[in-house]
Amino acid sequence: MAKPVARRNCRNHSNYWAFAVHRISGVVLVLYLPVHFYVIGLAIKSEAALQSFFSLAENPLVRLAETILIITFVIHVTGGLRLLLIEFLAWRDWQKTVIAVSGGISLAVGLVFLFNVF
């Protein structure tokens, strides 16, 4: 009888976490799309309806949610660029650095947006 294969803990690895964050950010962006389409529908419907929605956007919680959305978008984009690098370049030790840089870029863009919003 064959020995059972020892299971490695692959989920405690930076590339796995980068993969998971990329997938989660994609799901969050997909869930945001109906809200975006609703706002576009308001713009088509009438200017007054759109202005009433914009008055809601002045709320600090809505601005914080927009900041989180921007950070999520940048995380997804930089994660996608990381995947392109992995696909087209050979495996190297610098991939952990790419993960850290993409996270740093995401956080920096989000903070710049946050400071401009408030």
N, C-alpha and C. Protein backbone atom coordinates (compact mmCIF):
# COMPACT_ATOMS: atom_id res chain seq x y z
N MET A 1 0.84 -1.18 0.00
CA MET A 1 0.00 0.00 0.00
C MET A 1 0.89 1.24 0.00
N ALA A 2 0.50 2.21 -0.79
CA ALA A 2 1.31 3.43 -0.93
C ALA A 2 1.18 4.30 0.31
N LYS A 3 2.27 4.98 0.60
CA LYS A 3 2.26 5.92 1.72
C LYS A 3 1.44 7.15 1.35
N PRO A 4 0.72 7.70 2.31
CA PRO A 4 0.01 8.95 2.01
C PRO A 4 1.00 10.08 1.78
N VAL A 5 0.67 10.93 0.85
CA VAL A 5 1.55 12.05 0.52
C VAL A 5 1.41 13.11 1.60
N ALA A 6 2.55 13.56 2.09
CA ALA A 6 2.53 14.63 3.10
C ALA A 6 2.04 15.92 2.45
N ARG A 7 1.12 16.54 3.09
CA ARG A 7 0.54 17.77 2.54
C ARG A 7 1.35 18.97 3.00
N ARG A 8 1.81 19.73 2.04
CA ARG A 8 2.56 20.95 2.35
C ARG A 8 1.59 22.06 2.67
N ASN A 9 2.04 22.95 3.50
CA ASN A 9 1.21 24.10 3.83
C ASN A 9 1.45 25.20 2.79
N CYS A 10 0.76 25.08 1.66
CA CYS A 10 0.96 26.02 0.56
C CYS A 10 0.23 27.34 0.78
N ARG A 11 -0.65 27.37 1.76
CA ARG A 11 -1.44 28.58 1.96
C ARG A 11 -0.74 29.60 2.83
N ASN A 12 0.40 29.28 3.34
CA ASN A 12 1.13 30.25 4.16
C ASN A 12 2.33 30.75 3.37
N HIS A 13 2.07 31.19 2.16
CA HIS A 13 3.11 31.62 1.25
C HIS A 13 2.68 32.95 0.63
N SER A 14 3.61 33.83 0.40
CA SER A 14 3.26 35.17 -0.09
C SER A 14 2.56 35.13 -1.45
N ASN A 15 2.97 34.22 -2.32
CA ASN A 15 2.31 34.14 -3.62
C ASN A 15 0.86 33.68 -3.49
N TYR A 16 0.59 32.78 -2.54
CA TYR A 16 -0.79 32.36 -2.32
C TYR A 16 -1.63 33.53 -1.83
N TRP A 17 -1.10 34.31 -0.91
CA TRP A 17 -1.86 35.44 -0.38
C TRP A 17 -2.07 36.50 -1.45
N ALA A 18 -1.08 36.70 -2.31
CA ALA A 18 -1.26 37.64 -3.42
C ALA A 18 -2.36 37.15 -4.36
N PHE A 19 -2.39 35.84 -4.61
CA PHE A 19 -3.44 35.24 -5.43
C PHE A 19 -4.81 35.46 -4.78
N ALA A 20 -4.91 35.19 -3.48
CA ALA A 20 -6.19 35.31 -2.77
C ALA A 20 -6.68 36.76 -2.77
N VAL A 21 -5.78 37.70 -2.51
CA VAL A 21 -6.17 39.12 -2.50
C VAL A 21 -6.62 39.56 -3.89
N HIS A 22 -5.95 39.07 -4.93
CA HIS A 22 -6.32 39.41 -6.30
C HIS A 22 -7.73 38.90 -6.61
N ARG A 23 -8.03 37.68 -6.20
CA ARG A 23 -9.36 37.12 -6.44
C ARG A 23 -10.43 37.87 -5.65
N ILE A 24 -10.16 38.16 -4.40
CA ILE A 24 -11.13 38.87 -3.56
C ILE A 24 -11.38 40.27 -4.10
N SER A 25 -10.32 40.95 -4.53
CA SER A 25 -10.50 42.30 -5.08
C SER A 25 -11.33 42.25 -6.36
N GLY A 26 -11.15 41.20 -7.15
CA GLY A 26 -11.97 41.05 -8.35
C GLY A 26 -13.44 40.86 -8.02
N VAL A 27 -13.73 40.07 -7.00
CA VAL A 27 -15.12 39.86 -6.58
C VAL A 27 -15.72 41.17 -6.06
N VAL A 28 -14.95 41.93 -5.28
CA VAL A 28 -15.45 43.21 -4.77
C VAL A 28 -15.76 44.16 -5.91
N LEU A 29 -14.90 44.20 -6.92
CA LEU A 29 -15.14 45.08 -8.06
C LEU A 29 -16.37 44.64 -8.85
N VAL A 30 -16.58 43.35 -8.98
CA VAL A 30 -17.78 42.85 -9.67
C VAL A 30 -19.04 43.21 -8.88
N LEU A 31 -18.96 43.13 -7.56
CA LEU A 31 -20.12 43.50 -6.73
C LEU A 31 -20.41 45.00 -6.79
N TYR A 32 -19.39 45.80 -7.09
CA TYR A 32 -19.58 47.25 -7.20
C TYR A 32 -20.27 47.64 -8.51
N LEU A 33 -20.15 46.82 -9.53
CA LEU A 33 -20.69 47.18 -10.84
C LEU A 33 -22.18 47.55 -10.83
N PRO A 34 -23.06 46.84 -10.13
CA PRO A 34 -24.47 47.27 -10.13
C PRO A 34 -24.67 48.69 -9.58
N VAL A 35 -23.89 49.06 -8.57
CA VAL A 35 -23.99 50.42 -8.03
C VAL A 35 -23.57 51.43 -9.10
N HIS A 36 -22.51 51.11 -9.80
CA HIS A 36 -22.01 51.99 -10.86
C HIS A 36 -23.06 52.14 -11.97
N PHE A 37 -23.66 51.03 -12.37
CA PHE A 37 -24.70 51.08 -13.40
C PHE A 37 -25.93 51.85 -12.92
N TYR A 38 -26.23 51.75 -11.64
CA TYR A 38 -27.35 52.51 -11.07
C TYR A 38 -27.10 54.01 -11.19
N VAL A 39 -25.88 54.43 -10.87
CA VAL A 39 -25.54 55.85 -10.95
C VAL A 39 -25.57 56.32 -12.40
N ILE A 40 -25.10 55.51 -13.32
CA ILE A 40 -25.17 55.87 -14.74
C ILE A 40 -26.64 56.00 -15.16
N GLY A 41 -27.48 55.10 -14.66
CA GLY A 41 -28.91 55.19 -14.95
C GLY A 41 -29.53 56.47 -14.42
N LEU A 42 -29.08 56.90 -13.23
CA LEU A 42 -29.56 58.17 -12.68
C LEU A 42 -29.15 59.33 -13.57
N ALA A 43 -27.93 59.27 -14.09
CA ALA A 43 -27.45 60.35 -14.96
C ALA A 43 -28.27 60.41 -16.25
N ILE A 44 -28.68 59.25 -16.74
CA ILE A 44 -29.49 59.22 -17.96
C ILE A 44 -30.91 59.69 -17.67
N LYS A 45 -31.41 59.33 -16.48
CA LYS A 45 -32.79 59.65 -16.11
C LYS A 45 -33.01 61.16 -16.00
N SER A 46 -32.26 61.80 -15.12
CA SER A 46 -32.40 63.25 -14.98
C SER A 46 -31.23 63.81 -14.18
N GLU A 47 -30.99 65.06 -14.38
CA GLU A 47 -29.90 65.72 -13.66
C GLU A 47 -30.22 65.83 -12.18
N ALA A 48 -31.48 66.05 -11.85
CA ALA A 48 -31.87 66.19 -10.44
C ALA A 48 -31.65 64.89 -9.67
N ALA A 49 -31.95 63.75 -10.30
CA ALA A 49 -31.73 62.46 -9.64
C ALA A 49 -30.25 62.23 -9.40
N LEU A 50 -29.43 62.60 -10.37
CA LEU A 50 -27.99 62.45 -10.20
C LEU A 50 -27.46 63.37 -9.11
N GLN A 51 -27.96 64.59 -9.05
CA GLN A 51 -27.52 65.53 -8.02
C GLN A 51 -27.92 65.06 -6.63
N SER A 52 -29.07 64.42 -6.51
CA SER A 52 -29.47 63.90 -5.20
C SER A 52 -28.54 62.77 -4.77
N PHE A 53 -28.08 61.97 -5.72
CA PHE A 53 -27.11 60.93 -5.39
C PHE A 53 -25.78 61.55 -5.00
N PHE A 54 -25.38 62.61 -5.70
CA PHE A 54 -24.11 63.26 -5.37
C PHE A 54 -24.14 63.90 -3.98
N SER A 55 -25.31 64.34 -3.55
CA SER A 55 -25.40 64.89 -2.19
C SER A 55 -25.14 63.80 -1.16
N LEU A 56 -25.53 62.57 -1.46
CA LEU A 56 -25.22 61.44 -0.59
C LEU A 56 -23.71 61.17 -0.57
N ALA A 57 -23.06 61.42 -1.68
CA ALA A 57 -21.62 61.16 -1.79
C ALA A 57 -20.78 62.11 -0.93
N GLU A 58 -21.38 63.15 -0.40
CA GLU A 58 -20.66 64.06 0.50
C GLU A 58 -20.46 63.48 1.89
N ASN A 59 -21.16 62.41 2.20
CA ASN A 59 -21.06 61.75 3.49
C ASN A 59 -19.65 61.18 3.66
N PRO A 60 -19.00 61.39 4.82
CA PRO A 60 -17.65 60.86 5.03
C PRO A 60 -17.54 59.34 4.91
N LEU A 61 -18.60 58.62 5.28
CA LEU A 61 -18.56 57.17 5.14
C LEU A 61 -18.55 56.75 3.67
N VAL A 62 -19.28 57.49 2.84
CA VAL A 62 -19.28 57.20 1.41
C VAL A 62 -17.91 57.50 0.82
N ARG A 63 -17.30 58.58 1.26
CA ARG A 63 -15.95 58.91 0.78
C ARG A 63 -14.94 57.86 1.21
N LEU A 64 -15.09 57.35 2.42
CA LEU A 64 -14.21 56.28 2.87
C LEU A 64 -14.42 55.02 2.03
N ALA A 65 -15.68 54.72 1.71
CA ALA A 65 -15.98 53.57 0.86
C ALA A 65 -15.39 53.76 -0.53
N GLU A 66 -15.43 54.97 -1.06
CA GLU A 66 -14.81 55.25 -2.36
C GLU A 66 -13.30 55.04 -2.30
N THR A 67 -12.70 55.45 -1.19
CA THR A 67 -11.26 55.24 -1.02
C THR A 67 -10.93 53.76 -0.99
N ILE A 68 -11.73 52.99 -0.27
CA ILE A 68 -11.51 51.54 -0.23
C ILE A 68 -11.69 50.95 -1.63
N LEU A 69 -12.65 51.46 -2.39
CA LEU A 69 -12.85 50.99 -3.76
C LEU A 69 -11.64 51.29 -4.63
N ILE A 70 -11.07 52.49 -4.49
CA ILE A 70 -9.88 52.84 -5.27
C ILE A 70 -8.71 51.93 -4.89
N ILE A 71 -8.53 51.70 -3.60
CA ILE A 71 -7.45 50.80 -3.15
C ILE A 71 -7.67 49.40 -3.71
N THR A 72 -8.91 48.94 -3.68
CA THR A 72 -9.23 47.62 -4.22
C THR A 72 -8.93 47.55 -5.71
N PHE A 73 -9.28 48.61 -6.43
CA PHE A 73 -9.00 48.65 -7.87
C PHE A 73 -7.50 48.59 -8.14
N VAL A 74 -6.73 49.38 -7.41
CA VAL A 74 -5.28 49.40 -7.64
C VAL A 74 -4.65 48.07 -7.23
N ILE A 75 -5.15 47.47 -6.15
CA ILE A 75 -4.67 46.14 -5.76
C ILE A 75 -4.92 45.15 -6.89
N HIS A 76 -6.10 45.22 -7.49
CA HIS A 76 -6.43 44.29 -8.56
C HIS A 76 -5.55 44.52 -9.79
N VAL A 77 -5.33 45.78 -10.13
CA VAL A 77 -4.48 46.08 -11.30
C VAL A 77 -3.04 45.65 -11.06
N THR A 78 -2.47 46.00 -9.91
CA THR A 78 -1.08 45.62 -9.65
C THR A 78 -0.95 44.11 -9.50
N GLY A 79 -1.98 43.45 -8.96
CA GLY A 79 -1.97 41.99 -8.89
C GLY A 79 -2.00 41.37 -10.28
N GLY A 80 -2.77 41.97 -11.18
CA GLY A 80 -2.80 41.49 -12.56
C GLY A 80 -1.46 41.69 -13.26
N LEU A 81 -0.82 42.82 -13.01
CA LEU A 81 0.52 43.04 -13.59
C LEU A 81 1.52 42.04 -13.03
N ARG A 82 1.39 41.71 -11.75
CA ARG A 82 2.25 40.70 -11.14
C ARG A 82 2.05 39.35 -11.84
N LEU A 83 0.80 39.02 -12.13
CA LEU A 83 0.53 37.76 -12.83
C LEU A 83 1.12 37.76 -14.23
N LEU A 84 1.06 38.90 -14.91
CA LEU A 84 1.68 38.98 -16.23
C LEU A 84 3.19 38.76 -16.15
N LEU A 85 3.82 39.34 -15.13
CA LEU A 85 5.26 39.12 -14.96
C LEU A 85 5.57 37.65 -14.72
N ILE A 86 4.74 37.00 -13.91
CA ILE A 86 4.96 35.58 -13.63
C ILE A 86 4.78 34.75 -14.90
N GLU A 87 3.79 35.09 -15.72
CA GLU A 87 3.51 34.32 -16.93
C GLU A 87 4.61 34.46 -17.98
N PHE A 88 5.14 35.66 -18.12
CA PHE A 88 6.05 35.92 -19.23
C PHE A 88 7.52 35.92 -18.86
N LEU A 89 7.84 35.90 -17.58
CA LEU A 89 9.24 35.87 -17.16
C LEU A 89 9.50 34.61 -16.36
N ALA A 90 10.75 34.22 -16.32
CA ALA A 90 11.12 33.02 -15.57
C ALA A 90 10.98 33.27 -14.07
N TRP A 91 10.80 32.18 -13.33
CA TRP A 91 10.66 32.27 -11.88
C TRP A 91 11.96 32.78 -11.28
N ARG A 92 11.84 33.77 -10.45
CA ARG A 92 13.01 34.35 -9.79
C ARG A 92 12.68 34.62 -8.34
N ASP A 93 13.71 34.92 -7.58
CA ASP A 93 13.53 35.23 -6.16
C ASP A 93 12.91 36.61 -5.94
N TRP A 94 12.89 37.44 -6.97
CA TRP A 94 12.38 38.80 -6.81
C TRP A 94 10.86 38.87 -6.79
N GLN A 95 10.18 37.73 -6.92
CA GLN A 95 8.72 37.78 -6.97
C GLN A 95 8.11 38.25 -5.65
N LYS A 96 8.75 37.93 -4.53
CA LYS A 96 8.25 38.45 -3.25
C LYS A 96 8.39 39.96 -3.21
N THR A 97 9.43 40.47 -3.83
CA THR A 97 9.61 41.92 -3.90
C THR A 97 8.51 42.55 -4.75
N VAL A 98 8.14 41.89 -5.84
CA VAL A 98 7.07 42.40 -6.70
C VAL A 98 5.76 42.45 -5.93
N ILE A 99 5.50 41.44 -5.10
CA ILE A 99 4.29 41.43 -4.28
C ILE A 99 4.31 42.61 -3.32
N ALA A 100 5.43 42.83 -2.67
CA ALA A 100 5.53 43.94 -1.72
C ALA A 100 5.40 45.29 -2.42
N VAL A 101 6.02 45.43 -3.57
CA VAL A 101 5.93 46.69 -4.32
C VAL A 101 4.50 46.95 -4.78
N SER A 102 3.82 45.91 -5.27
CA SER A 102 2.44 46.11 -5.72
C SER A 102 1.53 46.49 -4.54
N GLY A 103 1.76 45.90 -3.39
CA GLY A 103 0.99 46.29 -2.21
C GLY A 103 1.29 47.71 -1.79
N GLY A 104 2.56 48.10 -1.85
CA GLY A 104 2.94 49.47 -1.51
C GLY A 104 2.35 50.50 -2.46
N ILE A 105 2.36 50.19 -3.75
CA ILE A 105 1.77 51.09 -4.73
C ILE A 105 0.28 51.24 -4.47
N SER A 106 -0.38 50.13 -4.18
CA SER A 106 -1.83 50.17 -3.91
C SER A 106 -2.13 51.05 -2.71
N LEU A 107 -1.38 50.86 -1.66
CA LEU A 107 -1.59 51.66 -0.45
C LEU A 107 -1.29 53.13 -0.70
N ALA A 108 -0.22 53.42 -1.43
CA ALA A 108 0.15 54.81 -1.70
C ALA A 108 -0.92 55.52 -2.53
N VAL A 109 -1.42 54.86 -3.57
CA VAL A 109 -2.46 55.47 -4.40
C VAL A 109 -3.73 55.69 -3.58
N GLY A 110 -4.07 54.71 -2.74
CA GLY A 110 -5.24 54.87 -1.89
C GLY A 110 -5.11 56.02 -0.92
N LEU A 111 -3.93 56.18 -0.33
CA LEU A 111 -3.72 57.28 0.61
C LEU A 111 -3.76 58.63 -0.08
N VAL A 112 -3.18 58.71 -1.28
CA VAL A 112 -3.24 59.96 -2.04
C VAL A 112 -4.69 60.31 -2.35
N PHE A 113 -5.46 59.31 -2.76
CA PHE A 113 -6.88 59.55 -3.02
C PHE A 113 -7.61 59.99 -1.75
N LEU A 114 -7.31 59.33 -0.64
CA LEU A 114 -7.96 59.65 0.62
C LEU A 114 -7.67 61.09 1.04
N PHE A 115 -6.41 61.51 0.91
CA PHE A 115 -6.07 62.88 1.29
C PHE A 115 -6.70 63.91 0.36
N ASN A 116 -6.90 63.56 -0.90
CA ASN A 116 -7.55 64.48 -1.83
C ASN A 116 -9.06 64.54 -1.62
N VAL A 117 -9.65 63.46 -1.11
CA VAL A 117 -11.10 63.43 -0.88
C VAL A 117 -11.46 64.23 0.35
N PHE A 118 -10.67 64.09 1.41
CA PHE A 118 -10.99 64.79 2.66
C PHE A 118 -10.20 66.04 2.70
